[in-house]
Amino acid sequence: ALALALVFSSPLALAFVEEVTAVFRPDPSNPMSNKF
């Protein structure tokens, strides 16, 4: 499995925090699409 997740934190500085996720999973209905 390929998933993309964005998480961030900093104990020393104020931080702008987001989470980003993405996944690659082969699609039998669209085998030419090899993207996250």
All heavy atoms as atom14 arrays in JSON, in Angstrom:
{
  "sequence": "ALALALVFSSPLALAFVEEVTAVFRPDPSNPMSNKF",
  "atom14_mask": [
    [1, 1, 1, 1, 1, 0, 0, 0, 0, 0, 0, 0, 0, 0],
    [1, 1, 1, 1, 1, 1, 1, 1, 0, 0, 0, 0, 0, 0],
    [1, 1, 1, 1, 1, 0, 0, 0, 0, 0, 0, 0, 0, 0],
    [1, 1, 1, 1, 1, 1, 1, 1, 0, 0, 0, 0, 0, 0],
    [1, 1, 1, 1, 1, 0, 0, 0, 0, 0, 0, 0, 0, 0],
    [1, 1, 1, 1, 1, 1, 1, 1, 0, 0, 0, 0, 0, 0],
    [1, 1, 1, 1, 1, 1, 1, 0, 0, 0, 0, 0, 0, 0],
    [1, 1, 1, 1, 1, 1, 1, 1, 1, 1, 1, 0, 0, 0],
    [1, 1, 1, 1, 1, 1, 0, 0, 0, 0, 0, 0, 0, 0],
    [1, 1, 1, 1, 1, 1, 0, 0, 0, 0, 0, 0, 0, 0],
    [1, 1, 1, 1, 1, 1, 1, 0, 0, 0, 0, 0, 0, 0],
    [1, 1, 1, 1, 1, 1, 1, 1, 0, 0, 0, 0, 0, 0],
    [1, 1, 1, 1, 1, 0, 0, 0, 0, 0, 0, 0, 0, 0],
    [1, 1, 1, 1, 1, 1, 1, 1, 0, 0, 0, 0, 0, 0],
    [1, 1, 1, 1, 1, 0, 0, 0, 0, 0, 0, 0, 0, 0],
    [1, 1, 1, 1, 1, 1, 1, 1, 1, 1, 1, 0, 0, 0],
    [1, 1, 1, 1, 1, 1, 1, 0, 0, 0, 0, 0, 0, 0],
    [1, 1, 1, 1, 1, 1, 1, 1, 1, 0, 0, 0, 0, 0],
    [1, 1, 1, 1, 1, 1, 1, 1, 1, 0, 0, 0, 0, 0],
    [1, 1, 1, 1, 1, 1, 1, 0, 0, 0, 0, 0, 0, 0],
    [1, 1, 1, 1, 1, 1, 1, 0, 0, 0, 0, 0, 0, 0],
    [1, 1, 1, 1, 1, 0, 0, 0, 0, 0, 0, 0, 0, 0],
    [1, 1, 1, 1, 1, 1, 1, 0, 0, 0, 0, 0, 0, 0],
    [1, 1, 1, 1, 1, 1, 1, 1, 1, 1, 1, 0, 0, 0],
    [1, 1, 1, 1, 1, 1, 1, 1, 1, 1, 1, 0, 0, 0],
    [1, 1, 1, 1, 1, 1, 1, 0, 0, 0, 0, 0, 0, 0],
    [1, 1, 1, 1, 1, 1, 1, 1, 0, 0, 0, 0, 0, 0],
    [1, 1, 1, 1, 1, 1, 1, 0, 0, 0, 0, 0, 0, 0],
    [1, 1, 1, 1, 1, 1, 0, 0, 0, 0, 0, 0, 0, 0],
    [1, 1, 1, 1, 1, 1, 1, 1, 0, 0, 0, 0, 0, 0],
    [1, 1, 1, 1, 1, 1, 1, 0, 0, 0, 0, 0, 0, 0],
    [1, 1, 1, 1, 1, 1, 1, 1, 0, 0, 0, 0, 0, 0],
    [1, 1, 1, 1, 1, 1, 0, 0, 0, 0, 0, 0, 0, 0],
    [1, 1, 1, 1, 1, 1, 1, 1, 0, 0, 0, 0, 0, 0],
    [1, 1, 1, 1, 1, 1, 1, 1, 1, 0, 0, 0, 0, 0],
    [1, 1, 1, 1, 1, 1, 1, 1, 1, 1, 1, 0, 0, 0]
  ],
  "atom14_positions": [
    [[0.79, -1.2, 0.0], [0.0, 0.0, 0.0], [0.83, 1.26, 0.0], [1.88, 1.25, 0.58], [-0.87, -0.01, 1.24], [0.0, 0.0, 0.0], [0.0, 0.0, 0.0], [0.0, 0.0, 0.0], [0.0, 0.0, 0.0], [0.0, 0.0, 0.0], [0.0, 0.0, 0.0], [0.0, 0.0, 0.0], [0.0, 0.0, 0.0], [0.0, 0.0, 0.0]],
    [[0.34, 2.37, -0.69], [1.05, 3.67, -0.63], [0.09, 4.76, -0.22], [-0.81, 5.1, -0.93], [1.7, 4.01, -1.96], [2.48, 5.3, -2.03], [3.63, 5.37, -1.09], [2.92, 5.6, -3.39], [0.0, 0.0, 0.0], [0.0, 0.0, 0.0], [0.0, 0.0, 0.0], [0.0, 0.0, 0.0], [0.0, 0.0, 0.0], [0.0, 0.0, 0.0]],
    [[0.27, 5.28, 0.92], [-0.56, 6.39, 1.36], [0.33, 7.53, 1.75], [1.43, 7.31, 2.18], [-1.4, 5.97, 2.56], [0.0, 0.0, 0.0], [0.0, 0.0, 0.0], [0.0, 0.0, 0.0], [0.0, 0.0, 0.0], [0.0, 0.0, 0.0], [0.0, 0.0, 0.0], [0.0, 0.0, 0.0], [0.0, 0.0, 0.0], [0.0, 0.0, 0.0]],
    [[-0.15, 8.73, 1.59], [0.71, 9.89, 1.82], [0.09, 10.72, 2.93], [-1.01, 11.18, 2.81], [0.8, 10.68, 0.53], [1.38, 12.07, 0.54], [2.81, 12.05, 0.99], [1.29, 12.68, -0.82], [0.0, 0.0, 0.0], [0.0, 0.0, 0.0], [0.0, 0.0, 0.0], [0.0, 0.0, 0.0], [0.0, 0.0, 0.0], [0.0, 0.0, 0.0]],
    [[0.8, 10.88, 4.04], [0.23, 11.61, 5.15], [1.18, 12.67, 5.62], [2.36, 12.45, 5.7], [-0.1, 10.66, 6.29], [0.0, 0.0, 0.0], [0.0, 0.0, 0.0], [0.0, 0.0, 0.0], [0.0, 0.0, 0.0], [0.0, 0.0, 0.0], [0.0, 0.0, 0.0], [0.0, 0.0, 0.0], [0.0, 0.0, 0.0], [0.0, 0.0, 0.0]],
    [[0.66, 13.83, 5.92], [1.45, 14.97, 6.33], [1.07, 15.34, 7.76], [-0.07, 15.67, 8.01], [1.08, 16.12, 5.42], [2.19, 16.91, 4.8], [2.29, 16.56, 3.34], [1.84, 18.35, 4.9], [0.0, 0.0, 0.0], [0.0, 0.0, 0.0], [0.0, 0.0, 0.0], [0.0, 0.0, 0.0], [0.0, 0.0, 0.0], [0.0, 0.0, 0.0]],
    [[2.01, 15.27, 8.65], [1.72, 15.61, 10.04], [2.9, 16.39, 10.56], [4.03, 16.07, 10.22], [1.53, 14.35, 10.9], [1.18, 14.72, 12.31], [0.51, 13.44, 10.29], [0.0, 0.0, 0.0], [0.0, 0.0, 0.0], [0.0, 0.0, 0.0], [0.0, 0.0, 0.0], [0.0, 0.0, 0.0], [0.0, 0.0, 0.0], [0.0, 0.0, 0.0]],
    [[2.68, 17.39, 11.37], [3.85, 18.07, 11.86], [3.61, 18.73, 13.2], [2.52, 19.13, 13.52], [4.37, 19.08, 10.84], [3.38, 19.98, 10.24], [3.59, 21.34, 10.23], [2.24, 19.49, 9.64], [2.69, 22.18, 9.65], [1.35, 20.33, 9.06], [1.57, 21.69, 9.07], [0.0, 0.0, 0.0], [0.0, 0.0, 0.0], [0.0, 0.0, 0.0]],
    [[4.69, 18.81, 13.98], [4.63, 19.45, 15.28], [6.02, 19.87, 15.68], [7.0, 19.34, 15.2], [4.05, 18.49, 16.33], [4.9, 17.37, 16.47], [0.0, 0.0, 0.0], [0.0, 0.0, 0.0], [0.0, 0.0, 0.0], [0.0, 0.0, 0.0], [0.0, 0.0, 0.0], [0.0, 0.0, 0.0], [0.0, 0.0, 0.0], [0.0, 0.0, 0.0]],
    [[6.1, 20.87, 16.55], [7.39, 21.35, 17.02], [7.26, 21.75, 18.47], [6.45, 22.6, 18.81], [7.85, 22.55, 16.2], [8.99, 23.12, 16.8], [0.0, 0.0, 0.0], [0.0, 0.0, 0.0], [0.0, 0.0, 0.0], [0.0, 0.0, 0.0], [0.0, 0.0, 0.0], [0.0, 0.0, 0.0], [0.0, 0.0, 0.0], [0.0, 0.0, 0.0]],
    [[8.04, 21.14, 19.36], [7.93, 21.49, 20.77], [8.6, 22.81, 21.1], [8.39, 23.37, 22.16], [8.63, 20.33, 21.47], [9.62, 19.83, 20.46], [8.97, 20.04, 19.11], [0.0, 0.0, 0.0], [0.0, 0.0, 0.0], [0.0, 0.0, 0.0], [0.0, 0.0, 0.0], [0.0, 0.0, 0.0], [0.0, 0.0, 0.0], [0.0, 0.0, 0.0]],
    [[9.44, 23.34, 20.18], [10.24, 24.52, 20.48], [9.69, 25.79, 19.86], [10.12, 26.88, 20.21], [11.69, 24.3, 20.02], [12.39, 23.08, 20.65], [13.78, 22.93, 20.06], [12.44, 23.22, 22.16], [0.0, 0.0, 0.0], [0.0, 0.0, 0.0], [0.0, 0.0, 0.0], [0.0, 0.0, 0.0], [0.0, 0.0, 0.0], [0.0, 0.0, 0.0]],
    [[8.81, 25.66, 18.85], [8.31, 26.85, 18.18], [6.84, 26.66, 17.88], [6.35, 25.54, 17.73], [9.09, 27.07, 16.88], [0.0, 0.0, 0.0], [0.0, 0.0, 0.0], [0.0, 0.0, 0.0], [0.0, 0.0, 0.0], [0.0, 0.0, 0.0], [0.0, 0.0, 0.0], [0.0, 0.0, 0.0], [0.0, 0.0, 0.0], [0.0, 0.0, 0.0]],
    [[6.12, 27.78, 17.8], [4.74, 27.71, 17.37], [4.71, 27.15, 15.96], [5.53, 27.51, 15.13], [4.11, 29.09, 17.44], [3.98, 29.69, 18.84], [3.48, 31.12, 18.76], [3.05, 28.85, 19.7], [0.0, 0.0, 0.0], [0.0, 0.0, 0.0], [0.0, 0.0, 0.0], [0.0, 0.0, 0.0], [0.0, 0.0, 0.0], [0.0, 0.0, 0.0]],
    [[3.75, 26.29, 15.67], [3.79, 25.57, 14.4], [2.44, 25.59, 13.71], [1.4, 25.43, 14.34], [4.25, 24.13, 14.63], [0.0, 0.0, 0.0], [0.0, 0.0, 0.0], [0.0, 0.0, 0.0], [0.0, 0.0, 0.0], [0.0, 0.0, 0.0], [0.0, 0.0, 0.0], [0.0, 0.0, 0.0], [0.0, 0.0, 0.0], [0.0, 0.0, 0.0]],
    [[2.48, 25.81, 12.43], [1.33, 25.69, 11.54], [1.19, 24.21, 11.21], [2.09, 23.61, 10.65], [1.62, 26.53, 10.29], [0.52, 26.57, 9.28], [-0.46, 27.54, 9.34], [0.51, 25.66, 8.24], [-1.45, 27.6, 8.38], [-0.48, 25.7, 7.28], [-1.47, 26.68, 7.34], [0.0, 0.0, 0.0], [0.0, 0.0, 0.0], [0.0, 0.0, 0.0]],
    [[0.08, 23.59, 11.59], [-0.03, 22.13, 11.56], [-1.13, 21.71, 10.59], [-2.25, 22.2, 10.67], [-0.34, 21.57, 12.97], [-0.5, 20.07, 12.92], [0.76, 21.98, 13.94], [0.0, 0.0, 0.0], [0.0, 0.0, 0.0], [0.0, 0.0, 0.0], [0.0, 0.0, 0.0], [0.0, 0.0, 0.0], [0.0, 0.0, 0.0], [0.0, 0.0, 0.0]],
    [[-0.78, 20.81, 9.68], [-1.74, 20.19, 8.77], [-1.44, 18.71, 8.65], [-0.35, 18.26, 8.98], [-1.67, 20.82, 7.38], [-2.01, 22.29, 7.31], [-3.49, 22.58, 7.47], [-4.27, 21.62, 7.7], [-3.86, 23.75, 7.4], [0.0, 0.0, 0.0], [0.0, 0.0, 0.0], [0.0, 0.0, 0.0], [0.0, 0.0, 0.0], [0.0, 0.0, 0.0]],
    [[-2.38, 17.95, 8.15], [-2.18, 16.55, 7.8], [-2.64, 16.36, 6.36], [-3.73, 16.8, 5.99], [-2.96, 15.62, 8.72], [-2.5, 15.65, 10.15], [-3.22, 14.62, 11.01], [-4.05, 13.89, 10.45], [-2.94, 14.58, 12.21], [0.0, 0.0, 0.0], [0.0, 0.0, 0.0], [0.0, 0.0, 0.0], [0.0, 0.0, 0.0], [0.0, 0.0, 0.0]],
    [[-1.8, 15.71, 5.57], [-2.12, 15.45, 4.17], [-1.95, 13.96, 3.91], [-0.96, 13.38, 4.31], [-1.22, 16.26, 3.23], [-1.52, 15.95, 1.77], [-1.37, 17.75, 3.49], [0.0, 0.0, 0.0], [0.0, 0.0, 0.0], [0.0, 0.0, 0.0], [0.0, 0.0, 0.0], [0.0, 0.0, 0.0], [0.0, 0.0, 0.0], [0.0, 0.0, 0.0]],
    [[-2.93, 13.34, 3.27], [-2.82, 11.92, 2.96], [-3.08, 11.68, 1.49], [-3.86, 12.39, 0.85], [-3.83, 11.09, 3.79], [-5.14, 11.51, 3.47], [-3.57, 11.27, 5.28], [0.0, 0.0, 0.0], [0.0, 0.0, 0.0], [0.0, 0.0, 0.0], [0.0, 0.0, 0.0], [0.0, 0.0, 0.0], [0.0, 0.0, 0.0], [0.0, 0.0, 0.0]],
    [[-2.4, 10.68, 0.94], [-2.66, 10.22, -0.43], [-2.36, 8.74, -0.49], [-1.65, 8.2, 0.35], [-1.79, 10.99, -1.43], [0.0, 0.0, 0.0], [0.0, 0.0, 0.0], [0.0, 0.0, 0.0], [0.0, 0.0, 0.0], [0.0, 0.0, 0.0], [0.0, 0.0, 0.0], [0.0, 0.0, 0.0], [0.0, 0.0, 0.0], [0.0, 0.0, 0.0]],
    [[-2.93, 8.07, -1.48], [-2.76, 6.63, -1.57], [-2.62, 6.22, -3.03], [-3.26, 6.8, -3.91], [-3.96, 5.89, -0.92], [-5.26, 6.19, -1.63], [-3.71, 4.39, -0.85], [0.0, 0.0, 0.0], [0.0, 0.0, 0.0], [0.0, 0.0, 0.0], [0.0, 0.0, 0.0], [0.0, 0.0, 0.0], [0.0, 0.0, 0.0], [0.0, 0.0, 0.0]],
    [[-1.75, 5.25, -3.27], [-1.74, 4.58, -4.57], [-2.32, 3.19, -4.39], [-1.85, 2.4, -3.57], [-0.32, 4.45, -5.14], [-0.29, 3.53, -6.33], [-0.8, 3.94, -7.55], [0.22, 2.24, -6.23], [-0.82, 3.09, -8.64], [0.22, 1.39, -7.32], [-0.3, 1.81, -8.53], [0.0, 0.0, 0.0], [0.0, 0.0, 0.0], [0.0, 0.0, 0.0]],
    [[-3.34, 2.92, -5.17], [-3.96, 1.61, -5.17], [-4.29, 1.3, -6.63], [-5.01, 2.06, -7.28], [-5.22, 1.62, -4.33], [-5.91, 0.3, -4.18], [-7.16, 0.42, -3.31], [-6.84, 0.8, -1.94], [-7.21, 1.93, -1.37], [-7.9, 2.83, -2.07], [-6.89, 2.2, -0.12], [0.0, 0.0, 0.0], [0.0, 0.0, 0.0], [0.0, 0.0, 0.0]],
    [[-3.77, 0.21, -7.21], [-4.03, -0.06, -8.62], [-5.52, -0.19, -8.89], [-6.27, -0.79, -8.09], [-3.28, -1.37, -8.88], [-3.04, -1.97, -7.54], [-2.93, -0.84, -6.58], [0.0, 0.0, 0.0], [0.0, 0.0, 0.0], [0.0, 0.0, 0.0], [0.0, 0.0, 0.0], [0.0, 0.0, 0.0], [0.0, 0.0, 0.0], [0.0, 0.0, 0.0]],
    [[-5.96, 0.38, -9.99], [-7.37, 0.42, -10.35], [-7.59, -0.46, -11.58], [-7.2, -0.08, -12.69], [-7.79, 1.85, -10.63], [-9.27, 1.98, -10.97], [-9.96, 0.94, -10.96], [-9.72, 3.1, -11.25], [0.0, 0.0, 0.0], [0.0, 0.0, 0.0], [0.0, 0.0, 0.0], [0.0, 0.0, 0.0], [0.0, 0.0, 0.0], [0.0, 0.0, 0.0]],
    [[-8.22, -1.62, -11.42], [-8.43, -2.49, -12.59], [-9.24, -1.82, -13.7], [-9.07, -2.16, -14.87], [-9.19, -3.69, -12.0], [-8.84, -3.69, -10.55], [-8.69, -2.24, -10.18], [0.0, 0.0, 0.0], [0.0, 0.0, 0.0], [0.0, 0.0, 0.0], [0.0, 0.0, 0.0], [0.0, 0.0, 0.0], [0.0, 0.0, 0.0], [0.0, 0.0, 0.0]],
    [[-10.09, -0.86, -13.34], [-10.89, -0.19, -14.36], [-10.1, 0.88, -15.11], [-10.54, 1.36, -16.16], [-12.13, 0.46, -13.72], [-11.75, 1.51, -12.84], [0.0, 0.0, 0.0], [0.0, 0.0, 0.0], [0.0, 0.0, 0.0], [0.0, 0.0, 0.0], [0.0, 0.0, 0.0], [0.0, 0.0, 0.0], [0.0, 0.0, 0.0], [0.0, 0.0, 0.0]],
    [[-8.95, 1.26, -14.58], [-8.12, 2.27, -15.24], [-6.65, 1.93, -15.02], [-5.93, 2.62, -14.3], [-8.45, 3.65, -14.66], [-7.77, 4.77, -15.43], [-7.27, 4.57, -16.55], [-7.73, 5.96, -14.86], [0.0, 0.0, 0.0], [0.0, 0.0, 0.0], [0.0, 0.0, 0.0], [0.0, 0.0, 0.0], [0.0, 0.0, 0.0], [0.0, 0.0, 0.0]],
    [[-6.18, 0.85, -15.63], [-4.82, 0.36, -15.35], [-3.71, 1.31, -15.8], [-2.59, 1.19, -15.35], [-4.75, -0.97, -16.11], [-5.8, -0.87, -17.17], [-6.89, -0.03, -16.57], [0.0, 0.0, 0.0], [0.0, 0.0, 0.0], [0.0, 0.0, 0.0], [0.0, 0.0, 0.0], [0.0, 0.0, 0.0], [0.0, 0.0, 0.0], [0.0, 0.0, 0.0]],
    [[-4.02, 2.26, -16.69], [-2.99, 3.19, -17.15], [-2.77, 4.33, -16.16], [-1.84, 5.12, -16.32], [-3.37, 3.76, -18.52], [-3.45, 2.73, -19.62], [-1.89, 1.86, -19.87], [-0.9, 3.21, -20.53], [0.0, 0.0, 0.0], [0.0, 0.0, 0.0], [0.0, 0.0, 0.0], [0.0, 0.0, 0.0], [0.0, 0.0, 0.0], [0.0, 0.0, 0.0]],
    [[-3.62, 4.46, -15.15], [-3.49, 5.54, -14.18], [-2.6, 5.07, -13.02], [-3.06, 4.36, -12.12], [-4.86, 5.96, -13.65], [-4.73, 6.98, -12.67], [0.0, 0.0, 0.0], [0.0, 0.0, 0.0], [0.0, 0.0, 0.0], [0.0, 0.0, 0.0], [0.0, 0.0, 0.0], [0.0, 0.0, 0.0], [0.0, 0.0, 0.0], [0.0, 0.0, 0.0]],
    [[-1.34, 5.44, -13.08], [-0.37, 5.01, -12.06], [0.01, 6.22, -11.2], [1.15, 6.66, -11.19], [0.85, 4.4, -12.72], [0.48, 3.21, -13.59], [-0.3, 2.36, -13.16], [0.99, 3.15, -14.8], [0.0, 0.0, 0.0], [0.0, 0.0, 0.0], [0.0, 0.0, 0.0], [0.0, 0.0, 0.0], [0.0, 0.0, 0.0], [0.0, 0.0, 0.0]],
    [[-0.97, 6.77, -10.5], [-0.75, 7.98, -9.72], [-1.32, 7.8, -8.32], [-2.21, 6.99, -8.09], [-1.43, 9.18, -10.4], [-0.87, 9.52, -11.77], [-1.61, 10.69, -12.38], [-1.06, 11.04, -13.75], [-1.8, 12.18, -14.36], [0.0, 0.0, 0.0], [0.0, 0.0, 0.0], [0.0, 0.0, 0.0], [0.0, 0.0, 0.0], [0.0, 0.0, 0.0]],
    [[-0.83, 8.64, -7.42], [-1.39, 8.68, -6.09], [-2.73, 9.42, -6.1], [-2.91, 10.36, -6.86], [-0.46, 9.4, -5.13], [0.8, 8.65, -4.84], [1.99, 9.0, -5.45], [0.8, 7.58, -3.97], [3.15, 8.31, -5.2], [1.95, 6.88, -3.71], [3.13, 7.25, -4.32], [0.0, 0.0, 0.0], [0.0, 0.0, 0.0], [0.0, 0.0, 0.0]]
  ]
}
